[in-house]
Amino acid sequence: MLFNSFTYVVFLLVVVSIYWLIPNKWQNIFILVSSYFFYGYWKIEGLFLLLGFSLVNWFLAHLVDRFTGRKKNILLIISIVINLIILCYFKYFKFILENVFLLVFNNTWEP
């Protein structure tokens, strides 16, 4: 489902309408489930990856909440670094690999 498609506009209107009709205590859960549905509609494999990272971040958030002071700051930094590594891997790994192959072998890398 692309952002500029008619399907997305219908999906967005339905989600926003339901969001404002349900009780406040269910709104965050509804948005989370709707977001997972939206992502899974596009690529089901990516949904499982997103669910996994959501659980990792949920676990790290609970760890950060449990501690205070220096330990809390260290855990927060570790959490941020883990997320940045994941982002860089999925966003830039292929780009970096292609350019390294281009520089070293004067050829492009095709997976």
PDB file of N, CA and C in Angstrom:
ATOM      1  N   MET A   1       0.856  -1.163   0.000  1.00  0.00           N
ATOM      2  CA  MET A   1       0.000   0.000   0.000  1.00  0.00           C
ATOM      3  C   MET A   1       0.911   1.238   0.000  1.00  0.00           C
ATOM      4  N   LEU A   2       0.855   1.986  -1.058  1.00  0.00           N
ATOM      5  CA  LEU A   2       1.675   3.192  -1.173  1.00  0.00           C
ATOM      6  C   LEU A   2       0.939   4.391  -0.578  1.00  0.00           C
ATOM      7  N   PHE A   3       1.719   5.371  -0.114  1.00  0.00           N
ATOM      8  CA  PHE A   3       1.123   6.553   0.508  1.00  0.00           C
ATOM      9  C   PHE A   3       0.269   7.367  -0.475  1.00  0.00           C
ATOM     10  N   ASN A   4       0.573   7.266  -1.749  1.00  0.00           N
ATOM     11  CA  ASN A   4      -0.177   8.051  -2.725  1.00  0.00           C
ATOM     12  C   ASN A   4      -1.242   7.220  -3.447  1.00  0.00           C
ATOM     13  N   SER A   5      -1.635   6.099  -2.868  1.00  0.00           N
ATOM     14  CA  SER A   5      -2.654   5.257  -3.496  1.00  0.00           C
ATOM     15  C   SER A   5      -4.028   5.502  -2.876  1.00  0.00           C
ATOM     16  N   PHE A   6      -5.045   5.156  -3.619  1.00  0.00           N
ATOM     17  CA  PHE A   6      -6.412   5.277  -3.134  1.00  0.00           C
ATOM     18  C   PHE A   6      -6.641   4.359  -1.934  1.00  0.00           C
ATOM     19  N   THR A   7      -6.033   3.175  -1.969  1.00  0.00           N
ATOM     20  CA  THR A   7      -6.159   2.221  -0.866  1.00  0.00           C
ATOM     21  C   THR A   7      -5.661   2.830   0.440  1.00  0.00           C
ATOM     22  N   TYR A   8      -4.544   3.547   0.380  1.00  0.00           N
ATOM     23  CA  TYR A   8      -4.004   4.173   1.578  1.00  0.00           C
ATOM     24  C   TYR A   8      -4.940   5.259   2.105  1.00  0.00           C
ATOM     25  N   VAL A   9      -5.511   6.042   1.222  1.00  0.00           N
ATOM     26  CA  VAL A   9      -6.426   7.104   1.652  1.00  0.00           C
ATOM     27  C   VAL A   9      -7.620   6.497   2.374  1.00  0.00           C
ATOM     28  N   VAL A  10      -8.176   5.417   1.830  1.00  0.00           N
ATOM     29  CA  VAL A  10      -9.299   4.738   2.481  1.00  0.00           C
ATOM     30  C   VAL A  10      -8.857   4.174   3.829  1.00  0.00           C
ATOM     31  N   PHE A  11      -7.693   3.516   3.843  1.00  0.00           N
ATOM     32  CA  PHE A  11      -7.155   2.962   5.091  1.00  0.00           C
ATOM     33  C   PHE A  11      -6.987   4.063   6.138  1.00  0.00           C
ATOM     34  N   LEU A  12      -6.404   5.177   5.750  1.00  0.00           N
ATOM     35  CA  LEU A  12      -6.174   6.289   6.674  1.00  0.00           C
ATOM     36  C   LEU A  12      -7.485   6.838   7.218  1.00  0.00           C
ATOM     37  N   LEU A  13      -8.465   7.028   6.356  1.00  0.00           N
ATOM     38  CA  LEU A  13      -9.764   7.545   6.803  1.00  0.00           C
ATOM     39  C   LEU A  13     -10.447   6.586   7.779  1.00  0.00           C
ATOM     40  N   VAL A  14     -10.367   5.298   7.502  1.00  0.00           N
ATOM     41  CA  VAL A  14     -10.974   4.302   8.392  1.00  0.00           C
ATOM     42  C   VAL A  14     -10.260   4.301   9.743  1.00  0.00           C
ATOM     43  N   VAL A  15      -8.922   4.305   9.722  1.00  0.00           N
ATOM     44  CA  VAL A  15      -8.156   4.264  10.972  1.00  0.00           C
ATOM     45  C   VAL A  15      -8.404   5.515  11.816  1.00  0.00           C
ATOM     46  N   VAL A  16      -8.368   6.672  11.197  1.00  0.00           N
ATOM     47  CA  VAL A  16      -8.591   7.918  11.941  1.00  0.00           C
ATOM     48  C   VAL A  16     -10.012   7.959  12.505  1.00  0.00           C
ATOM     49  N   SER A  17     -10.982   7.520  11.720  1.00  0.00           N
ATOM     50  CA  SER A  17     -12.373   7.512  12.200  1.00  0.00           C
ATOM     51  C   SER A  17     -12.544   6.582  13.388  1.00  0.00           C
ATOM     52  N   ILE A  18     -12.025   5.381  13.277  1.00  0.00           N
ATOM     53  CA  ILE A  18     -12.145   4.425  14.384  1.00  0.00           C
ATOM     54  C   ILE A  18     -11.395   4.934  15.603  1.00  0.00           C
ATOM     55  N   TYR A  19     -10.217   5.521  15.383  1.00  0.00           N
ATOM     56  CA  TYR A  19      -9.406   6.049  16.485  1.00  0.00           C
ATOM     57  C   TYR A  19     -10.212   7.010  17.355  1.00  0.00           C
ATOM     58  N   TRP A  20     -10.944   7.904  16.727  1.00  0.00           N
ATOM     59  CA  TRP A  20     -11.705   8.896  17.493  1.00  0.00           C
ATOM     60  C   TRP A  20     -13.004   8.345  18.067  1.00  0.00           C
ATOM     61  N   LEU A  21     -13.431   7.174  17.604  1.00  0.00           N
ATOM     62  CA  LEU A  21     -14.670   6.582  18.110  1.00  0.00           C
ATOM     63  C   LEU A  21     -14.446   5.643  19.288  1.00  0.00           C
ATOM     64  N   ILE A  22     -13.244   5.099  19.424  1.00  0.00           N
ATOM     65  CA  ILE A  22     -13.003   4.135  20.506  1.00  0.00           C
ATOM     66  C   ILE A  22     -12.568   4.858  21.781  1.00  0.00           C
ATOM     67  N   PRO A  23     -12.700   4.203  22.934  1.00  0.00           N
ATOM     68  CA  PRO A  23     -12.286   4.830  24.199  1.00  0.00           C
ATOM     69  C   PRO A  23     -10.785   5.138  24.220  1.00  0.00           C
ATOM     70  N   ASN A  24     -10.412   6.148  24.997  1.00  0.00           N
ATOM     71  CA  ASN A  24      -9.025   6.599  25.067  1.00  0.00           C
ATOM     72  C   ASN A  24      -8.051   5.493  25.444  1.00  0.00           C
ATOM     73  N   LYS A  25      -8.449   4.600  26.332  1.00  0.00           N
ATOM     74  CA  LYS A  25      -7.518   3.571  26.796  1.00  0.00           C
ATOM     75  C   LYS A  25      -7.145   2.578  25.697  1.00  0.00           C
ATOM     76  N   TRP A  26      -7.931   2.498  24.624  1.00  0.00           N
ATOM     77  CA  TRP A  26      -7.642   1.569  23.521  1.00  0.00           C
ATOM     78  C   TRP A  26      -7.003   2.247  22.319  1.00  0.00           C
ATOM     79  N   GLN A  27      -6.903   3.560  22.322  1.00  0.00           N
ATOM     80  CA  GLN A  27      -6.414   4.274  21.143  1.00  0.00           C
ATOM     81  C   GLN A  27      -4.963   3.942  20.789  1.00  0.00           C
ATOM     82  N   ASN A  28      -4.077   3.891  21.776  1.00  0.00           N
ATOM     83  CA  ASN A  28      -2.674   3.589  21.480  1.00  0.00           C
ATOM     84  C   ASN A  28      -2.503   2.178  20.933  1.00  0.00           C
ATOM     85  N   ILE A  29      -3.225   1.227  21.507  1.00  0.00           N
ATOM     86  CA  ILE A  29      -3.145  -0.151  21.024  1.00  0.00           C
ATOM     87  C   ILE A  29      -3.694  -0.240  19.608  1.00  0.00           C
ATOM     88  N   PHE A  30      -4.772   0.468  19.341  1.00  0.00           N
ATOM     89  CA  PHE A  30      -5.355   0.462  18.002  1.00  0.00           C
ATOM     90  C   PHE A  30      -4.389   1.036  16.969  1.00  0.00           C
ATOM     91  N   ILE A  31      -3.716   2.130  17.310  1.00  0.00           N
ATOM     92  CA  ILE A  31      -2.749   2.729  16.384  1.00  0.00           C
ATOM     93  C   ILE A  31      -1.582   1.773  16.140  1.00  0.00           C
ATOM     94  N   LEU A  32      -1.125   1.094  17.186  1.00  0.00           N
ATOM     95  CA  LEU A  32      -0.031   0.141  17.046  1.00  0.00           C
ATOM     96  C   LEU A  32      -0.421  -1.011  16.123  1.00  0.00           C
ATOM     97  N   VAL A  33      -1.596  -1.583  16.351  1.00  0.00           N
ATOM     98  CA  VAL A  33      -2.071  -2.692  15.521  1.00  0.00           C
ATOM     99  C   VAL A  33      -2.295  -2.218  14.080  1.00  0.00           C
ATOM    100  N   SER A  34      -2.838  -1.038  13.911  1.00  0.00           N
ATOM    101  CA  SER A  34      -3.051  -0.497  12.566  1.00  0.00           C
ATOM    102  C   SER A  34      -1.723  -0.278  11.842  1.00  0.00           C
ATOM    103  N   SER A  35      -0.729   0.177  12.567  1.00  0.00           N
ATOM    104  CA  SER A  35       0.589   0.384  11.973  1.00  0.00           C
ATOM    105  C   SER A  35       1.206  -0.939  11.535  1.00  0.00           C
ATOM    106  N   TYR A  36       1.081  -1.962  12.386  1.00  0.00           N
ATOM    107  CA  TYR A  36       1.587  -3.285  12.011  1.00  0.00           C
ATOM    108  C   TYR A  36       0.847  -3.819  10.793  1.00  0.00           C
ATOM    109  N   PHE A  37      -0.465  -3.620  10.752  1.00  0.00           N
ATOM    110  CA  PHE A  37      -1.238  -4.063   9.590  1.00  0.00           C
ATOM    111  C   PHE A  37      -0.770  -3.352   8.328  1.00  0.00           C
ATOM    112  N   PHE A  38      -0.578  -2.037   8.425  1.00  0.00           N
ATOM    113  CA  PHE A  38      -0.129  -1.262   7.273  1.00  0.00           C
ATOM    114  C   PHE A  38       1.218  -1.772   6.770  1.00  0.00           C
ATOM    115  N   TYR A  39       2.143  -2.009   7.672  1.00  0.00           N
ATOM    116  CA  TYR A  39       3.468  -2.480   7.282  1.00  0.00           C
ATOM    117  C   TYR A  39       3.398  -3.902   6.738  1.00  0.00           C
ATOM    118  N   GLY A  40       2.595  -4.762   7.383  1.00  0.00           N
ATOM    119  CA  GLY A  40       2.459  -6.140   6.935  1.00  0.00           C
ATOM    120  C   GLY A  40       1.752  -6.260   5.596  1.00  0.00           C
ATOM    121  N   TYR A  41       0.870  -5.336   5.300  1.00  0.00           N
ATOM    122  CA  TYR A  41       0.183  -5.326   4.009  1.00  0.00           C
ATOM    123  C   TYR A  41       1.180  -5.114   2.876  1.00  0.00           C
ATOM    124  N   TRP A  42       2.215  -4.331   3.161  1.00  0.00           N
ATOM    125  CA  TRP A  42       3.235  -4.043   2.157  1.00  0.00           C
ATOM    126  C   TRP A  42       4.203  -5.213   2.014  1.00  0.00           C
ATOM    127  N   LYS A  43       4.714  -5.726   3.137  1.00  0.00           N
ATOM    128  CA  LYS A  43       5.712  -6.798   3.081  1.00  0.00           C
ATOM    129  C   LYS A  43       5.630  -7.600   4.374  1.00  0.00           C
ATOM    130  N   ILE A  44       5.125  -8.817   4.291  1.00  0.00           N
ATOM    131  CA  ILE A  44       4.891  -9.629   5.479  1.00  0.00           C
ATOM    132  C   ILE A  44       6.197  -9.984   6.183  1.00  0.00           C
ATOM    133  N   GLU A  45       7.284 -10.182   5.434  1.00  0.00           N
ATOM    134  CA  GLU A  45       8.566 -10.500   6.066  1.00  0.00           C
ATOM    135  C   GLU A  45       9.036  -9.342   6.935  1.00  0.00           C
ATOM    136  N   GLY A  46       8.824  -8.144   6.456  1.00  0.00           N
ATOM    137  CA  GLY A  46       9.214  -6.961   7.210  1.00  0.00           C
ATOM    138  C   GLY A  46       8.407  -6.801   8.486  1.00  0.00           C
ATOM    139  N   LEU A  47       7.186  -7.303   8.476  1.00  0.00           N
ATOM    140  CA  LEU A  47       6.345  -7.217   9.664  1.00  0.00           C
ATOM    141  C   LEU A  47       6.968  -7.990  10.817  1.00  0.00           C
ATOM    142  N   PHE A  48       7.465  -9.189  10.556  1.00  0.00           N
ATOM    143  CA  PHE A  48       8.077  -9.984  11.615  1.00  0.00           C
ATOM    144  C   PHE A  48       9.344  -9.315  12.134  1.00  0.00           C
ATOM    145  N   LEU A  49      10.087  -8.692  11.248  1.00  0.00           N
ATOM    146  CA  LEU A  49      11.268  -7.944  11.651  1.00  0.00           C
ATOM    147  C   LEU A  49      10.871  -6.758  12.536  1.00  0.00           C
ATOM    148  N   LEU A  50       9.836  -6.040  12.132  1.00  0.00           N
ATOM    149  CA  LEU A  50       9.350  -4.904  12.913  1.00  0.00           C
ATOM    150  C   LEU A  50       8.833  -5.348  14.284  1.00  0.00           C
ATOM    151  N   LEU A  51       8.118  -6.461  14.331  1.00  0.00           N
ATOM    152  CA  LEU A  51       7.640  -6.996  15.609  1.00  0.00           C
ATOM    153  C   LEU A  51       8.810  -7.359  16.518  1.00  0.00           C
ATOM    154  N   GLY A  52       9.844  -7.964  15.945  1.00  0.00           N
ATOM    155  CA  GLY A  52      11.024  -8.324  16.727  1.00  0.00           C
ATOM    156  C   GLY A  52      11.710  -7.103  17.315  1.00  0.00           C
ATOM    157  N   PHE A  53      11.894  -6.076  16.500  1.00  0.00           N
ATOM    158  CA  PHE A  53      12.537  -4.864  16.986  1.00  0.00           C
ATOM    159  C   PHE A  53      11.653  -4.116  17.975  1.00  0.00           C
ATOM    160  N   SER A  54      10.352  -4.218  17.812  1.00  0.00           N
ATOM    161  CA  SER A  54       9.445  -3.607  18.781  1.00  0.00           C
ATOM    162  C   SER A  54       9.603  -4.275  20.141  1.00  0.00           C
ATOM    163  N   LEU A  55       9.717  -5.596  20.147  1.00  0.00           N
ATOM    164  CA  LEU A  55       9.906  -6.310  21.405  1.00  0.00           C
ATOM    165  C   LEU A  55      11.251  -5.973  22.046  1.00  0.00           C
ATOM    166  N   VAL A  56      12.299  -5.873  21.234  1.00  0.00           N
ATOM    167  CA  VAL A  56      13.617  -5.499  21.758  1.00  0.00           C
ATOM    168  C   VAL A  56      13.551  -4.110  22.390  1.00  0.00           C
ATOM    169  N   ASN A  57      12.927  -3.160  21.710  1.00  0.00           N
ATOM    170  CA  ASN A  57      12.818  -1.807  22.245  1.00  0.00           C
ATOM    171  C   ASN A  57      11.934  -1.759  23.488  1.00  0.00           C
ATOM    172  N   TRP A  58      10.886  -2.550  23.513  1.00  0.00           N
ATOM    173  CA  TRP A  58      10.030  -2.622  24.696  1.00  0.00           C
ATOM    174  C   TRP A  58      10.829  -3.142  25.887  1.00  0.00           C
ATOM    175  N   PHE A  59      11.616  -4.204  25.669  1.00  0.00           N
ATOM    176  CA  PHE A  59      12.444  -4.777  26.726  1.00  0.00           C
ATOM    177  C   PHE A  59      13.484  -3.758  27.203  1.00  0.00           C
ATOM    178  N   LEU A  60      14.154  -3.091  26.279  1.00  0.00           N
ATOM    179  CA  LEU A  60      15.159  -2.093  26.652  1.00  0.00           C
ATOM    180  C   LEU A  60      14.526  -0.913  27.399  1.00  0.00           C
ATOM    181  N   ALA A  61      13.331  -0.513  27.001  1.00  0.00           N
ATOM    182  CA  ALA A  61      12.650   0.584  27.699  1.00  0.00           C
ATOM    183  C   ALA A  61      12.334   0.202  29.143  1.00  0.00           C
ATOM    184  N   HIS A  62      11.931  -1.046  29.348  1.00  0.00           N
ATOM    185  CA  HIS A  62      11.672  -1.492  30.715  1.00  0.00           C
ATOM    186  C   HIS A  62      12.955  -1.556  31.538  1.00  0.00           C
ATOM    187  N   LEU A  63      14.053  -1.941  30.909  1.00  0.00           N
ATOM    188  CA  LEU A  63      15.331  -1.931  31.621  1.00  0.00           C
ATOM    189  C   LEU A  63      15.743  -0.509  31.997  1.00  0.00           C
ATOM    190  N   VAL A  64      15.593   0.411  31.056  1.00  0.00           N
ATOM    191  CA  VAL A  64      15.946   1.809  31.332  1.00  0.00           C
ATOM    192  C   VAL A  64      15.079   2.348  32.464  1.00  0.00           C
ATOM    193  N   ASP A  65      13.815   1.992  32.476  1.00  0.00           N
ATOM    194  CA  ASP A  65      12.893   2.474  33.510  1.00  0.00           C
ATOM    195  C   ASP A  65      13.223   1.899  34.887  1.00  0.00           C
ATOM    196  N   ARG A  66      13.802   0.729  34.909  1.00  0.00           N
ATOM    197  CA  ARG A  66      14.086   0.049  36.169  1.00  0.00           C
ATOM    198  C   ARG A  66      15.262   0.670  36.936  1.00  0.00           C
ATOM    199  N   PHE A  67      16.226   1.226  36.216  1.00  0.00           N
ATOM    200  CA  PHE A  67      17.431   1.752  36.849  1.00  0.00           C
ATOM    201  C   PHE A  67      17.375   3.273  36.990  1.00  0.00           C
ATOM    202  N   THR A  68      18.342   3.802  37.736  1.00  0.00           N
ATOM    203  CA  THR A  68      18.469   5.246  37.903  1.00  0.00           C
ATOM    204  C   THR A  68      19.933   5.638  37.747  1.00  0.00           C
ATOM    205  N   GLY A  69      20.152   6.930  37.563  1.00  0.00           N
ATOM    206  CA  GLY A  69      21.508   7.475  37.530  1.00  0.00           C
ATOM    207  C   GLY A  69      22.326   7.029  36.334  1.00  0.00           C
ATOM    208  N   ARG A  70      23.571   6.673  36.609  1.00  0.00           N
ATOM    209  CA  ARG A  70      24.528   6.337  35.551  1.00  0.00           C
ATOM    210  C   ARG A  70      24.106   5.079  34.768  1.00  0.00           C
ATOM    211  N   LYS A  71      23.605   4.068  35.477  1.00  0.00           N
ATOM    212  CA  LYS A  71      23.178   2.836  34.799  1.00  0.00           C
ATOM    213  C   LYS A  71      22.045   3.121  33.808  1.00  0.00           C
ATOM    214  N   LYS A  72      21.149   4.001  34.209  1.00  0.00           N
ATOM    215  CA  LYS A  72      20.033   4.361  33.333  1.00  0.00           C
ATOM    216  C   LYS A  72      20.558   5.037  32.063  1.00  0.00           C
ATOM    217  N   ASN A  73      21.501   5.960  32.206  1.00  0.00           N
ATOM    218  CA  ASN A  73      22.072   6.648  31.045  1.00  0.00           C
ATOM    219  C   ASN A  73      22.811   5.687  30.129  1.00  0.00           C
ATOM    220  N   ILE A  74      23.564   4.753  30.705  1.00  0.00           N
ATOM    221  CA  ILE A  74      24.306   3.774  29.899  1.00  0.00           C
ATOM    222  C   ILE A  74      23.336   2.894  29.119  1.00  0.00           C
ATOM    223  N   LEU A  75      22.284   2.417  29.776  1.00  0.00           N
ATOM    224  CA  LEU A  75      21.288   1.595  29.083  1.00  0.00           C
ATOM    225  C   LEU A  75      20.577   2.375  27.977  1.00  0.00           C
ATOM    226  N   LEU A  76      20.304   3.637  28.229  1.00  0.00           N
ATOM    227  CA  LEU A  76      19.663   4.463  27.207  1.00  0.00           C
ATOM    228  C   LEU A  76      20.582   4.630  26.000  1.00  0.00           C
ATOM    229  N   ILE A  77      21.850   4.878  26.251  1.00  0.00           N
ATOM    230  CA  ILE A  77      22.817   5.012  25.153  1.00  0.00           C
ATOM    231  C   ILE A  77      22.938   3.699  24.385  1.00  0.00           C
ATOM    232  N   ILE A  78      22.993   2.574  25.095  1.00  0.00           N
ATOM    233  CA  ILE A  78      23.050   1.266  24.431  1.00  0.00           C
ATOM    234  C   ILE A  78      21.815   1.058  23.559  1.00  0.00           C
ATOM    235  N   SER A  79      20.658   1.421  24.067  1.00  0.00           N
ATOM    236  CA  SER A  79      19.417   1.277  23.307  1.00  0.00           C
ATOM    237  C   SER A  79      19.453   2.119  22.030  1.00  0.00           C
ATOM    238  N   ILE A  80      19.904   3.357  22.152  1.00  0.00           N
ATOM    239  CA  ILE A  80      19.980   4.239  20.985  1.00  0.00           C
ATOM    240  C   ILE A  80      20.978   3.701  19.972  1.00  0.00           C
ATOM    241  N   VAL A  81      22.130   3.228  20.439  1.00  0.00           N
ATOM    242  CA  VAL A  81      23.152   2.687  19.537  1.00  0.00           C
ATOM    243  C   VAL A  81      22.638   1.451  18.811  1.00  0.00           C
ATOM    244  N   ILE A  82      21.946   0.561  19.520  1.00  0.00           N
ATOM    245  CA  ILE A  82      21.380  -0.635  18.880  1.00  0.00           C
ATOM    246  C   ILE A  82      20.415  -0.231  17.770  1.00  0.00           C
ATOM    247  N   ASN A  83      19.553   0.728  18.034  1.00  0.00           N
ATOM    248  CA  ASN A  83      18.601   1.174  17.016  1.00  0.00           C
ATOM    249  C   ASN A  83      19.299   1.838  15.836  1.00  0.00           C
ATOM    250  N   LEU A  84      20.335   2.611  16.094  1.00  0.00           N
ATOM    251  CA  LEU A  84      21.076   3.235  14.993  1.00  0.00           C
ATOM    252  C   LEU A  84      21.808   2.201  14.156  1.00  0.00           C
ATOM    253  N   ILE A  85      22.373   1.186  14.793  1.00  0.00           N
ATOM    254  CA  ILE A  85      23.041   0.117  14.041  1.00  0.00           C
ATOM    255  C   ILE A  85      22.044  -0.612  13.145  1.00  0.00           C
ATOM    256  N   ILE A  86      20.878  -0.918  13.694  1.00  0.00           N
ATOM    257  CA  ILE A  86      19.841  -1.588  12.906  1.00  0.00           C
ATOM    258  C   ILE A  86      19.416  -0.709  11.724  1.00  0.00           C
ATOM    259  N   LEU A  87      19.199   0.560  11.984  1.00  0.00           N
ATOM    260  CA  LEU A  87      18.808   1.492  10.924  1.00  0.00           C
ATOM    261  C   LEU A  87      19.878   1.571   9.850  1.00  0.00           C
ATOM    262  N   CYS A  88      21.123   1.741  10.259  1.00  0.00           N
ATOM    263  CA  CYS A  88      22.225   1.849   9.286  1.00  0.00           C
ATOM    264  C   CYS A  88      22.377   0.574   8.477  1.00  0.00           C
ATOM    265  N   TYR A  89      22.219  -0.569   9.130  1.00  0.00           N
ATOM    266  CA  TYR A  89      22.347  -1.831   8.403  1.00  0.00           C
ATOM    267  C   TYR A  89      21.295  -1.938   7.298  1.00  0.00           C
ATOM    268  N   PHE A  90      20.046  -1.722   7.645  1.00  0.00           N
ATOM    269  CA  PHE A  90      18.985  -1.892   6.658  1.00  0.00           C
ATOM    270  C   PHE A  90      18.915  -0.750   5.658  1.00  0.00           C
ATOM    271  N   LYS A  91      19.390   0.416   6.018  1.00  0.00           N
ATOM    272  CA  LYS A  91      19.297   1.571   5.136  1.00  0.00           C
ATOM    273  C   LYS A  91      20.533   1.717   4.246  1.00  0.00           C
ATOM    274  N   TYR A  92      21.714   1.453   4.786  1.00  0.00           N
ATOM    275  CA  TYR A  92      22.941   1.808   4.078  1.00  0.00           C
ATOM    276  C   TYR A  92      23.881   0.656   3.761  1.00  0.00           C
ATOM    277  N   PHE A  93      23.648  -0.548   4.253  1.00  0.00           N
ATOM    278  CA  PHE A  93      24.595  -1.637   4.061  1.00  0.00           C
ATOM    279  C   PHE A  93      24.819  -1.950   2.582  1.00  0.00           C
ATOM    280  N   LYS A  94      23.747  -2.075   1.822  1.00  0.00           N
ATOM    281  CA  LYS A  94      23.877  -2.391   0.398  1.00  0.00           C
ATOM    282  C   LYS A  94      24.597  -1.258  -0.326  1.00  0.00           C
ATOM    283  N   PHE A  95      24.286  -0.028   0.000  1.00  0.00           N
ATOM    284  CA  PHE A  95      24.936   1.128  -0.613  1.00  0.00           C
ATOM    285  C   PHE A  95      26.448   1.105  -0.349  1.00  0.00           C
ATOM    286  N   ILE A  96      26.832   0.866   0.885  1.00  0.00           N
ATOM    287  CA  ILE A  96      28.253   0.831   1.240  1.00  0.00           C
ATOM    288  C   ILE A  96      28.939  -0.331   0.550  1.00  0.00           C
ATOM    289  N   LEU A  97      28.323  -1.508   0.547  1.00  0.00           N
ATOM    290  CA  LEU A  97      28.901  -2.681  -0.091  1.00  0.00           C
ATOM    291  C   LEU A  97      29.096  -2.462  -1.592  1.00  0.00           C
ATOM    292  N   GLU A  98      28.118  -1.886  -2.253  1.00  0.00           N
ATOM    293  CA  GLU A  98      28.242  -1.610  -3.685  1.00  0.00           C
ATOM    294  C   GLU A  98      29.406  -0.667  -3.971  1.00  0.00           C
ATOM    295  N   ASN A  99      29.569   0.362  -3.145  1.00  0.00           N
ATOM    296  CA  ASN A  99      30.647   1.313  -3.370  1.00  0.00           C
ATOM    297  C   ASN A  99      32.017   0.735  -3.050  1.00  0.00           C
ATOM    298  N   VAL A 100      32.096  -0.135  -2.047  1.00  0.00           N
ATOM    299  CA  VAL A 100      33.364  -0.800  -1.754  1.00  0.00           C
ATOM    300  C   VAL A 100      33.755  -1.696  -2.924  1.00  0.00           C
ATOM    301  N   PHE A 101      32.818  -2.461  -3.452  1.00  0.00           N
ATOM    302  CA  PHE A 101      33.102  -3.311  -4.604  1.00  0.00           C
ATOM    303  C   PHE A 101      33.504  -2.476  -5.811  1.00  0.00           C
ATOM    304  N   LEU A 102      32.860  -1.349  -5.977  1.00  0.00           N
ATOM    305  CA  LEU A 102      33.195  -0.469  -7.097  1.00  0.00           C
ATOM    306  C   LEU A 102      34.617   0.059  -6.955  1.00  0.00           C
ATOM    307  N   LEU A 103      34.993   0.449  -5.757  1.00  0.00           N
ATOM    308  CA  LEU A 103      36.342   0.969  -5.531  1.00  0.00           C
ATOM    309  C   LEU A 103      37.405  -0.112  -5.605  1.00  0.00           C
ATOM    310  N   VAL A 104      37.160  -1.253  -4.986  1.00  0.00           N
ATOM    311  CA  VAL A 104      38.173  -2.303  -4.892  1.00  0.00           C
ATOM    312  C   VAL A 104      38.294  -3.086  -6.197  1.00  0.00           C
ATOM    313  N   PHE A 105      37.195  -3.491  -6.745  1.00  0.00           N
ATOM    314  CA  PHE A 105      37.211  -4.367  -7.916  1.00  0.00           C
ATOM    315  C   PHE A 105      36.846  -3.658  -9.213  1.00  0.00           C
ATOM    316  N   ASN A 106      36.551  -2.386  -9.138  1.00  0.00           N
ATOM    317  CA  ASN A 106      36.122  -1.625 -10.299  1.00  0.00           C
ATOM    318  C   ASN A 106      34.945  -2.306 -11.001  1.00  0.00           C
ATOM    319  N   ASN A 107      34.048  -2.835 -10.165  1.00  0.00           N
ATOM    320  CA  ASN A 107      32.897  -3.566 -10.659  1.00  0.00           C
ATOM    321  C   ASN A 107      31.761  -3.391  -9.649  1.00  0.00           C
ATOM    322  N   THR A 108      30.540  -3.529 -10.095  1.00  0.00           N
ATOM    323  CA  THR A 108      29.414  -3.413  -9.174  1.00  0.00           C
ATOM    324  C   THR A 108      29.084  -4.763  -8.580  1.00  0.00           C
ATOM    325  N   TRP A 109      28.490  -4.713  -7.401  1.00  0.00           N
ATOM    326  CA  TRP A 109      28.073  -5.934  -6.708  1.00  0.00           C
ATOM    327  C   TRP A 109      26.586  -6.110  -6.895  1.00  0.00           C
ATOM    328  N   GLU A 110      26.198  -7.286  -7.347  1.00  0.00           N
ATOM    329  CA  GLU A 110      24.794  -7.605  -7.530  1.00  0.00           C
ATOM    330  C   GLU A 110      24.458  -8.796  -6.642  1.00  0.00           C
ATOM    331  N   PRO A 111      23.530  -8.626  -5.719  1.00  0.00           N
ATOM    332  CA  PRO A 111      23.180  -9.753  -4.823  1.00  0.00           C
ATOM    333  C   PRO A 111      22.435 -10.839  -5.550  1.00  0.00           C
TER     334      PRO A 111
END
